[in-house]
Amino acid sequence: MTAFFRRPSLTRMAATSGLLLALLDLCPATAWALHMPKQPELGPQALAPVMTSDTQRWDAVLPLPDGRMLLETPRWLGNTGPQLVARAEDGRQSPWPDEPWNAPEGAAATRLINVAGLIRAANGMIWVLDNGVPKRDAAPQAAPKLLEIDPTTNTVRRTVAIDATALKPGSVLSGVAVHDNTAYVADSGVGAILVIDLPSGTSRRFLDHHPALVATRQIETPAGILRDAAGHPVAMDASMIAVSPDGTWIVVQPPSGYLSRIATAIFFDPDVTPAAFEESVTQWFKTPTLGGMTIDNDGTLYWADVTTGSILSYTTGRIPRRLITDPRLKWPTTPGLDGHGHLYVAASELDHSPAFAPPGTPPAWPVTLYRLTLPTTPPPR
């Protein structure tokens, strides 16, 4: 595994040797991972409330080009209404893609059991991951599947079943990234990456139990370590995943752990050895506990920082930015970009949801969706 580096100071290098200075001149500054700045670039005026809810906890938001927003409200957080909701520009909400797919009962093949990922592909289609696990500590209710949905017609174009052979006992799929005809899915129950050929439906499993994909650090909230109803620290393997716009690499991580980067070519190399697979995982940044992440068209990552209530960004050149830190961002979840200089994120307070809160914990409503106006200045250096 590639080591995590911080950028050495020029003073220290100058004190060592002229050779090091020469090497610095040969290497681009962005080759080193910098520390996350402590001070945010934006003030509270950049963060504006958009809507609230007293009944639903959103764990992802996806703005669409036509002005609508898709909101993900999965069963595992205790939600009882539609799991996918489309919010129109005038504020009206409706089950998406329609009411039958959000029905609480019926055939598993034609309804959503538990939504666990939502992504817009380059061709404009929406891919939805249904992991079939409404409760993480209970048996699956149905086999996992991927849905391709056309947002212009609000219809499901196809369903791709995920091979049972790619799963393990305890698998809980969480997070999906799509490039061309390939989907990358993270297993947050038993750390691994599934690579799915969308035309054929063939599913393959990689990097099973790799240290970068399993929960090795505790999930930290402003109130302390996240614990379950029995008082045990909550552990969750890799659940966040994104693919670069050109499809050449993916990034993946558990909610609390290192962000790791992997070249996608290795998944399609028939001659790769197990050792090469292990060594292909590069530690890319030591993030705080994250509630979600998304990727922009230029490859910039945006992170929702649970521990400090912040929105962070990280460029392909490994330049980190603390965009905003605000007490209103209580457990921010997966953000979404509208392509017009705004980031939308819900402060969902998941530690007060039935999934995590001890019995009798107040539900802490309302949940608020915010719009962050992003800075137009380049990253500070």
Protein backbone atom coordinates (compact mmCIF):
# COMPACT_ATOMS: atom_id res chain seq x y z
CA MET A 1 0.00 0.00 0.00
CA THR A 2 1.38 3.42 -0.90
CA ALA A 3 2.27 5.50 2.13
CA PHE A 4 0.48 8.75 2.98
CA PHE A 5 2.78 11.75 2.67
CA ARG A 6 2.54 15.34 3.78
CA ARG A 7 4.30 18.12 1.93
CA PRO A 8 7.65 18.90 3.65
CA SER A 9 8.41 22.52 4.44
CA LEU A 10 10.89 24.30 2.21
CA THR A 11 12.85 25.39 5.28
CA ARG A 12 13.46 21.83 6.37
CA MET A 13 14.49 20.76 2.89
CA ALA A 14 16.86 23.65 2.51
CA ALA A 15 18.54 22.57 5.72
CA THR A 16 19.17 19.09 4.41
CA SER A 17 20.76 19.31 0.99
CA GLY A 18 20.72 20.98 -2.36
CA LEU A 19 19.83 17.59 -3.85
CA LEU A 20 16.44 17.64 -2.17
CA LEU A 21 15.81 21.13 -3.48
CA ALA A 22 16.64 19.95 -6.97
CA LEU A 23 14.23 17.07 -6.61
CA LEU A 24 11.54 19.48 -5.47
CA ASP A 25 12.02 21.49 -8.64
CA LEU A 26 11.50 18.36 -10.71
CA CYS A 27 8.30 17.32 -8.93
CA PRO A 28 5.03 19.24 -9.27
CA ALA A 29 3.77 20.79 -6.06
CA THR A 30 0.50 18.91 -6.35
CA ALA A 31 2.25 15.55 -6.03
CA TRP A 32 2.10 15.88 -2.25
CA ALA A 33 -1.00 15.63 -0.07
CA LEU A 34 -1.39 18.81 1.98
CA HIS A 35 -3.04 19.07 5.37
CA MET A 36 -6.67 20.13 5.55
CA PRO A 37 -6.81 23.86 6.43
CA LYS A 38 -8.23 24.61 9.86
CA GLN A 39 -10.02 27.82 8.89
CA PRO A 40 -13.02 27.74 6.50
CA GLU A 41 -13.03 29.93 3.42
CA LEU A 42 -16.73 30.78 3.61
CA GLY A 43 -18.88 32.33 6.30
CA PRO A 44 -22.41 31.37 7.43
CA GLN A 45 -23.99 33.63 4.80
CA ALA A 46 -22.90 31.14 2.11
CA LEU A 47 -25.15 28.45 3.61
CA ALA A 48 -28.90 28.92 3.09
CA PRO A 49 -31.77 26.61 4.11
CA VAL A 50 -33.87 25.25 1.23
CA MET A 51 -36.42 22.99 2.91
CA THR A 52 -37.11 21.06 6.10
CA SER A 53 -38.82 17.80 7.04
CA ASP A 54 -40.34 16.49 10.27
CA THR A 55 -40.83 12.98 8.90
CA GLN A 56 -37.97 12.04 6.55
CA ARG A 57 -34.19 11.79 6.95
CA TRP A 58 -32.38 12.31 3.68
CA ASP A 59 -29.01 10.66 3.25
CA ALA A 60 -28.35 11.90 -0.30
CA VAL A 61 -29.46 14.69 -2.63
CA LEU A 62 -29.00 14.76 -6.40
CA PRO A 63 -29.87 17.94 -8.35
CA LEU A 64 -31.06 17.39 -11.91
CA PRO A 65 -30.45 19.70 -14.89
CA ASP A 66 -34.16 20.51 -15.18
CA GLY A 67 -34.21 22.06 -11.68
CA ARG A 68 -35.64 19.10 -9.81
CA MET A 69 -33.82 17.43 -6.92
CA LEU A 70 -33.88 13.76 -6.07
CA LEU A 71 -33.87 12.96 -2.36
CA GLU A 72 -32.89 9.57 -0.97
CA THR A 73 -34.78 8.50 2.19
CA PRO A 74 -33.86 4.84 2.81
CA ARG A 75 -35.66 2.36 5.03
CA TRP A 76 -32.59 1.56 7.15
CA LEU A 77 -32.73 5.04 8.72
CA GLY A 78 -36.26 4.41 9.93
CA ASN A 79 -38.03 6.24 7.10
CA THR A 80 -41.52 4.98 6.30
CA GLY A 81 -42.53 7.03 3.25
CA PRO A 82 -41.19 6.96 -0.33
CA GLN A 83 -37.51 6.10 -0.52
CA LEU A 84 -36.93 8.28 -3.55
CA VAL A 85 -38.58 11.68 -3.78
CA ALA A 86 -38.45 14.24 -6.60
CA ARG A 87 -38.69 17.85 -5.44
CA ALA A 88 -39.85 20.28 -8.12
CA GLU A 89 -38.57 23.85 -8.31
CA ASP A 90 -41.81 25.08 -6.75
CA GLY A 91 -41.27 22.81 -3.73
CA ARG A 92 -43.80 20.11 -4.60
CA GLN A 93 -42.68 16.57 -3.86
CA SER A 94 -43.66 13.25 -5.38
CA PRO A 95 -42.47 9.61 -5.17
CA TRP A 96 -39.86 8.90 -7.83
CA PRO A 97 -39.80 7.40 -10.38
CA ASP A 98 -43.41 6.70 -9.39
CA GLU A 99 -45.56 5.51 -6.52
CA PRO A 100 -45.56 1.76 -7.35
CA TRP A 101 -41.75 1.57 -7.16
CA ASN A 102 -41.98 3.11 -3.66
CA ALA A 103 -44.77 0.82 -2.46
CA PRO A 104 -44.19 -0.71 1.01
CA GLU A 105 -45.39 -4.13 -0.18
CA GLY A 106 -45.35 -6.17 -3.35
CA ALA A 107 -42.94 -8.13 -5.51
CA ALA A 108 -39.31 -7.29 -4.68
CA ALA A 109 -38.37 -7.17 -8.36
CA THR A 110 -40.64 -4.22 -9.03
CA ARG A 111 -40.26 -2.08 -5.91
CA LEU A 112 -37.52 -0.53 -3.82
CA ILE A 113 -36.60 -2.54 -0.72
CA ASN A 114 -33.83 -0.29 0.61
CA VAL A 115 -32.17 2.43 -1.45
CA ALA A 116 -28.43 2.59 -0.79
CA GLY A 117 -26.98 4.70 -3.60
CA LEU A 118 -27.95 7.27 -6.19
CA ILE A 119 -25.82 8.57 -9.06
CA ARG A 120 -26.26 10.41 -12.36
CA ALA A 121 -24.23 8.90 -15.20
CA ALA A 122 -22.55 10.90 -17.96
CA ASN A 123 -25.39 10.05 -20.36
CA GLY A 124 -27.92 11.61 -17.98
CA MET A 125 -29.43 8.35 -16.75
CA ILE A 126 -29.91 7.84 -13.01
CA TRP A 127 -28.58 4.67 -11.42
CA VAL A 128 -30.10 3.54 -8.13
CA LEU A 129 -28.70 0.82 -5.87
CA ASP A 130 -31.26 -1.23 -3.94
CA ASN A 131 -29.37 -3.45 -1.49
CA GLY A 132 -32.43 -5.31 -0.19
CA VAL A 133 -31.41 -4.78 3.46
CA PRO A 134 -33.83 -2.49 5.35
CA LYS A 135 -32.04 -3.26 8.66
CA ARG A 136 -28.29 -3.69 8.77
CA ASP A 137 -28.44 -6.13 11.70
CA ALA A 138 -31.12 -8.32 10.08
CA ALA A 139 -31.21 -10.71 7.15
CA PRO A 140 -31.75 -9.29 3.65
CA GLN A 141 -35.34 -9.11 2.48
CA ALA A 142 -34.43 -9.40 -1.18
CA ALA A 143 -31.50 -9.76 -3.55
CA PRO A 144 -29.67 -6.51 -4.41
CA LYS A 145 -30.26 -4.84 -7.77
CA LEU A 146 -29.38 -1.78 -9.81
CA LEU A 147 -32.00 0.31 -11.58
CA GLU A 148 -31.37 2.55 -14.57
CA ILE A 149 -33.99 5.30 -14.59
CA ASP A 150 -34.62 7.88 -17.30
CA PRO A 151 -35.26 11.22 -15.53
CA THR A 152 -36.92 12.73 -18.61
CA THR A 153 -39.68 10.12 -18.64
CA ASN A 154 -39.46 8.96 -15.00
CA THR A 155 -39.40 5.34 -16.10
CA VAL A 156 -37.15 2.41 -15.21
CA ARG A 157 -35.26 1.42 -18.36
CA ARG A 158 -33.71 -1.75 -16.96
CA THR A 159 -33.00 -3.70 -13.81
CA VAL A 160 -29.61 -5.34 -13.30
CA ALA A 161 -29.56 -8.12 -10.71
CA ILE A 162 -26.34 -8.45 -8.71
CA ASP A 163 -24.97 -11.99 -8.68
CA ALA A 164 -25.34 -13.80 -5.36
CA THR A 165 -21.87 -15.27 -5.97
CA ALA A 166 -20.39 -11.77 -5.53
CA LEU A 167 -21.85 -11.45 -2.02
CA LYS A 168 -20.76 -12.76 1.37
CA PRO A 169 -22.79 -13.56 4.49
CA GLY A 170 -23.30 -10.15 6.07
CA SER A 171 -22.86 -8.19 2.83
CA VAL A 172 -24.62 -4.82 2.84
CA LEU A 173 -24.04 -2.97 -0.43
CA SER A 174 -23.80 0.79 0.02
CA GLY A 175 -22.69 3.26 -2.62
CA VAL A 176 -22.52 3.03 -6.39
CA ALA A 177 -20.44 4.69 -9.11
CA VAL A 178 -21.01 4.21 -12.84
CA HIS A 179 -18.83 4.84 -15.87
CA ASP A 180 -19.96 3.74 -19.33
CA ASN A 181 -21.01 0.09 -19.00
CA THR A 182 -19.44 -0.59 -15.61
CA ALA A 183 -20.77 -0.09 -12.10
CA TYR A 184 -18.58 -0.06 -9.01
CA VAL A 185 -20.34 -0.92 -5.75
CA ALA A 186 -18.95 -0.86 -2.21
CA ASP A 187 -19.80 -3.55 0.35
CA SER A 188 -20.20 -1.84 3.72
CA GLY A 189 -21.02 -5.09 5.54
CA VAL A 190 -17.99 -7.11 4.46
CA GLY A 191 -15.45 -4.71 3.00
CA ALA A 192 -14.93 -5.23 -0.74
CA ILE A 193 -15.63 -3.73 -4.16
CA LEU A 194 -18.03 -5.26 -6.66
CA VAL A 195 -17.45 -4.57 -10.34
CA ILE A 196 -20.57 -5.12 -12.43
CA ASP A 197 -20.76 -5.33 -16.20
CA LEU A 198 -24.09 -3.61 -16.84
CA PRO A 199 -24.96 -5.13 -20.26
CA SER A 200 -24.45 -8.72 -19.08
CA GLY A 201 -25.11 -8.29 -15.36
CA THR A 202 -21.93 -10.17 -14.50
CA SER A 203 -20.74 -9.26 -10.99
CA ARG A 204 -17.21 -9.79 -9.69
CA ARG A 205 -15.84 -9.22 -6.19
CA PHE A 206 -12.42 -7.71 -5.47
CA LEU A 207 -10.20 -6.70 -2.53
CA ASP A 208 -12.17 -8.73 -0.01
CA HIS A 209 -11.28 -7.63 3.54
CA HIS A 210 -8.58 -5.26 2.27
CA PRO A 211 -7.46 -3.01 5.16
CA ALA A 212 -8.44 0.10 3.20
CA LEU A 213 -12.02 -1.12 2.92
CA VAL A 214 -12.75 -2.33 6.45
CA ALA A 215 -13.65 -0.30 9.52
CA THR A 216 -10.40 0.31 11.38
CA ARG A 217 -11.29 3.64 13.00
CA GLN A 218 -14.24 4.74 15.09
CA ILE A 219 -17.03 6.95 13.75
CA GLU A 220 -16.71 10.25 15.57
CA THR A 221 -19.48 12.80 15.96
CA PRO A 222 -19.32 16.14 17.80
CA ALA A 223 -20.87 14.30 20.77
CA GLY A 224 -18.20 11.60 20.73
CA ILE A 225 -17.85 8.06 19.37
CA LEU A 226 -20.98 6.72 17.67
CA ARG A 227 -22.38 3.74 19.58
CA ASP A 228 -25.27 1.36 19.01
CA ALA A 229 -28.19 0.77 21.35
CA ALA A 230 -26.06 -1.66 23.39
CA GLY A 231 -23.29 0.89 23.81
CA HIS A 232 -20.85 -0.71 21.39
CA PRO A 233 -18.95 1.43 18.87
CA VAL A 234 -20.58 1.28 15.45
CA ALA A 235 -18.42 -0.28 12.73
CA MET A 236 -19.13 0.10 9.03
CA ASP A 237 -16.92 -0.97 6.14
CA ALA A 238 -16.50 0.83 2.82
CA SER A 239 -19.71 2.63 1.91
CA MET A 240 -18.55 5.64 -0.14
CA ILE A 241 -17.32 5.28 -3.69
CA ALA A 242 -16.85 7.53 -6.73
CA VAL A 243 -15.34 7.15 -10.19
CA SER A 244 -13.32 9.76 -12.04
CA PRO A 245 -14.99 11.47 -15.02
CA ASP A 246 -12.70 9.64 -17.44
CA GLY A 247 -13.21 6.32 -15.68
CA THR A 248 -9.51 5.70 -15.01
CA TRP A 249 -9.70 5.54 -11.21
CA ILE A 250 -12.09 5.13 -8.32
CA VAL A 251 -11.93 6.40 -4.75
CA VAL A 252 -13.48 4.46 -1.89
CA GLN A 253 -13.53 4.49 1.89
CA PRO A 254 -15.42 3.53 5.04
CA PRO A 255 -17.27 6.38 6.81
CA SER A 256 -14.25 6.80 9.08
CA GLY A 257 -10.96 5.86 7.49
CA TYR A 258 -8.50 6.68 4.78
CA LEU A 259 -9.72 7.69 1.37
CA SER A 260 -8.13 5.24 -1.07
CA ARG A 261 -7.62 5.54 -4.81
CA ILE A 262 -7.45 2.60 -7.24
CA ALA A 263 -6.77 2.52 -10.98
CA THR A 264 -9.74 0.85 -12.64
CA ALA A 265 -7.57 -0.91 -15.25
CA ILE A 266 -6.52 -3.46 -12.66
CA PHE A 267 -10.06 -4.83 -12.41
CA PHE A 268 -9.92 -5.81 -16.07
CA ASP A 269 -6.38 -7.22 -16.21
CA PRO A 270 -6.62 -11.02 -16.51
CA ASP A 271 -2.97 -11.46 -15.57
CA VAL A 272 -2.93 -9.42 -12.36
CA THR A 273 -1.65 -11.23 -9.28
CA PRO A 274 -3.20 -11.08 -5.79
CA ALA A 275 -0.13 -9.22 -4.57
CA ALA A 276 -0.48 -6.62 -7.32
CA PHE A 277 -4.10 -6.13 -6.35
CA GLU A 278 -3.17 -5.51 -2.73
CA GLU A 279 -0.51 -3.01 -3.75
CA SER A 280 -2.78 -1.21 -6.20
CA VAL A 281 -4.65 0.56 -3.40
CA THR A 282 -3.15 3.99 -2.73
CA GLN A 283 -3.92 5.89 0.46
CA TRP A 284 -5.09 9.23 -0.92
CA PHE A 285 -6.08 11.26 2.16
CA LYS A 286 -6.79 10.71 5.85
CA THR A 287 -10.29 12.12 6.10
CA PRO A 288 -12.37 12.74 9.20
CA THR A 289 -15.63 10.83 9.66
CA LEU A 290 -17.67 11.45 6.52
CA GLY A 291 -21.42 11.40 6.01
CA GLY A 292 -21.01 11.23 2.23
CA MET A 293 -19.04 12.39 -0.78
CA THR A 294 -19.61 13.34 -4.39
CA ILE A 295 -17.41 14.08 -7.38
CA ASP A 296 -17.52 17.00 -9.83
CA ASN A 297 -16.99 16.90 -13.58
CA ASP A 298 -13.36 17.96 -13.13
CA GLY A 299 -12.64 15.18 -10.63
CA THR A 300 -12.83 17.37 -7.52
CA LEU A 301 -14.24 15.50 -4.53
CA TYR A 302 -16.63 17.12 -2.06
CA TRP A 303 -16.90 15.63 1.42
CA ALA A 304 -19.49 16.05 4.17
CA ASP A 305 -17.51 16.08 7.43
CA VAL A 306 -19.55 14.71 10.34
CA THR A 307 -17.01 15.40 13.06
CA THR A 308 -16.78 19.18 12.61
CA GLY A 309 -19.92 19.94 10.59
CA SER A 310 -17.98 20.98 7.50
CA ILE A 311 -17.99 20.73 3.72
CA LEU A 312 -14.53 19.91 2.40
CA SER A 313 -13.16 19.55 -1.12
CA TYR A 314 -10.14 17.79 -2.60
CA THR A 315 -8.83 18.35 -6.10
CA THR A 316 -7.19 15.81 -8.38
CA GLY A 317 -3.96 17.67 -7.62
CA ARG A 318 -4.45 16.73 -3.93
CA ILE A 319 -5.27 20.26 -2.77
CA PRO A 320 -7.66 20.14 0.22
CA ARG A 321 -10.06 22.99 1.04
CA ARG A 322 -12.26 23.58 4.05
CA LEU A 323 -15.12 25.38 2.38
CA ILE A 324 -17.35 25.94 5.40
CA THR A 325 -17.74 24.86 9.00
CA ASP A 326 -21.15 25.57 10.49
CA PRO A 327 -22.99 24.30 13.60
CA ARG A 328 -26.11 23.85 11.48
CA LEU A 329 -24.44 21.02 9.58
CA LYS A 330 -25.34 18.28 12.05
CA TRP A 331 -24.28 14.98 10.47
CA PRO A 332 -24.29 16.21 6.86
CA THR A 333 -24.92 13.41 4.38
CA THR A 334 -24.10 12.82 0.70
CA PRO A 335 -24.06 16.21 -1.07
CA GLY A 336 -25.05 17.01 -4.63
CA LEU A 337 -23.82 19.61 -7.14
CA ASP A 338 -26.15 21.53 -9.45
CA GLY A 339 -23.47 22.52 -11.99
CA HIS A 340 -24.14 26.21 -11.38
CA GLY A 341 -21.87 26.88 -8.43
CA HIS A 342 -24.02 25.40 -5.68
CA LEU A 343 -23.73 22.34 -3.46
CA TYR A 344 -26.81 20.92 -1.72
CA VAL A 345 -26.48 18.94 1.49
CA ALA A 346 -28.86 17.71 4.18
CA ALA A 347 -28.07 18.02 7.89
CA SER A 348 -29.75 14.73 8.69
CA GLU A 349 -28.59 14.05 12.27
CA LEU A 350 -28.31 10.33 11.65
CA ASP A 351 -27.19 9.78 15.23
CA HIS A 352 -30.79 10.56 16.20
CA SER A 353 -32.26 8.07 13.73
CA PRO A 354 -33.53 4.62 14.77
CA ALA A 355 -30.49 3.12 13.03
CA PHE A 356 -28.09 4.54 15.61
CA ALA A 357 -29.87 6.27 18.48
CA PRO A 358 -30.42 4.43 21.78
CA PRO A 359 -34.08 3.70 22.57
CA GLY A 360 -35.84 6.77 23.91
CA THR A 361 -33.52 9.25 22.19
CA PRO A 362 -35.47 12.31 20.96
CA PRO A 363 -35.78 12.27 17.14
CA ALA A 364 -34.26 15.77 16.71
CA TRP A 365 -36.50 17.18 14.01
CA PRO A 366 -36.54 18.98 11.68
CA VAL A 367 -34.01 17.79 9.15
CA THR A 368 -32.86 20.66 6.93
CA LEU A 369 -31.58 20.71 3.37
CA TYR A 370 -29.07 23.52 2.72
CA ARG A 371 -27.62 25.17 -0.36
CA LEU A 372 -23.97 26.18 -0.22
CA THR A 373 -22.74 28.81 -2.69
CA LEU A 374 -19.28 27.58 -3.64
CA PRO A 375 -16.28 29.92 -3.88
CA THR A 376 -15.29 31.10 -7.33
CA THR A 377 -11.64 31.54 -6.37
CA PRO A 378 -9.04 28.86 -7.08
CA PRO A 379 -7.71 26.72 -4.21
CA PRO A 380 -5.39 28.63 -1.87
CA ARG A 381 -1.82 27.45 -2.06
